[in-house]
Protein backbone atom coordinates (compact mmCIF):
# COMPACT_ATOMS: atom_id res chain seq x y z
CA MET A 1 28.61 -5.98 -1.96
CA SER A 2 32.16 -7.23 -1.48
CA SER A 3 32.20 -6.05 2.13
CA ALA A 4 28.77 -7.47 2.98
CA SER A 5 28.43 -10.14 5.68
CA TRP A 6 26.66 -13.03 3.97
CA PHE A 7 24.96 -15.91 5.76
CA LYS A 8 22.93 -19.01 4.88
CA SER A 9 19.82 -20.34 6.50
CA SER A 10 20.30 -22.56 9.51
CA TYR A 11 18.47 -25.20 7.43
CA SER A 12 21.33 -25.28 4.90
CA ASN A 13 23.97 -27.95 5.14
CA SER A 14 27.60 -27.99 4.02
CA ASP A 15 27.27 -30.41 1.08
CA GLY A 16 27.09 -27.63 -1.53
CA GLY A 17 23.37 -27.99 -2.16
CA ASP A 18 21.05 -25.40 -3.59
CA CYS A 19 21.25 -22.54 -1.11
CA VAL A 20 20.74 -18.83 -1.08
CA GLU A 21 22.60 -16.39 1.12
CA VAL A 22 21.40 -13.07 2.45
CA ALA A 23 23.36 -10.12 3.79
CA ASP A 24 22.43 -7.50 6.33
CA GLY A 25 23.60 -4.02 7.10
CA LEU A 26 21.91 -2.18 4.23
CA PRO A 27 19.10 0.08 5.39
CA ASP A 28 15.75 -1.07 4.01
CA LEU A 29 17.35 -3.59 1.59
CA VAL A 30 18.05 -7.32 1.72
CA PRO A 31 20.65 -8.58 -0.77
CA VAL A 32 20.22 -12.22 -1.86
CA ARG A 33 22.64 -14.37 -3.89
CA ASP A 34 23.27 -17.97 -4.92
CA SER A 35 25.73 -19.50 -2.47
CA LYS A 36 27.38 -21.51 -5.24
CA VAL A 37 28.08 -18.42 -7.38
CA GLN A 38 29.33 -15.90 -4.84
CA GLU A 39 30.75 -13.58 -7.50
CA GLY A 40 27.51 -13.76 -9.49
CA PRO A 41 24.54 -11.41 -9.51
CA VAL A 42 22.86 -10.14 -6.35
CA LEU A 43 19.13 -9.54 -6.10
CA LEU A 44 18.03 -6.64 -3.91
CA PHE A 45 14.67 -6.74 -2.16
CA ARG A 46 13.01 -4.13 -0.03
CA ALA A 47 13.20 -5.25 3.60
CA ALA A 48 9.41 -5.15 4.02
CA SER A 49 8.91 -7.32 0.93
CA TRP A 50 11.54 -9.81 2.11
CA ALA A 51 9.92 -10.00 5.56
CA ALA A 52 6.52 -10.68 3.97
CA PHE A 53 8.05 -13.41 1.76
CA VAL A 54 9.72 -15.11 4.75
CA ALA A 55 6.48 -14.92 6.77
CA ASP A 56 4.55 -16.53 3.89
CA VAL A 57 7.12 -19.31 3.51
CA LYS A 58 7.00 -20.04 7.23
CA GLY A 59 3.19 -20.15 7.08
């Protein structure tokens, strides 16, 4: 995961709040981590499950 390109939501701000970051580039997987603990654990979700989660949150 050290070479992954991580990014935050466009809704995040730069004050160090509670944010998650996601990375892309892994086929069928979406890595997610806490932006405040970048060397901490990474959760891996199947891309379809992550897409369903995001769609539900938007709805």
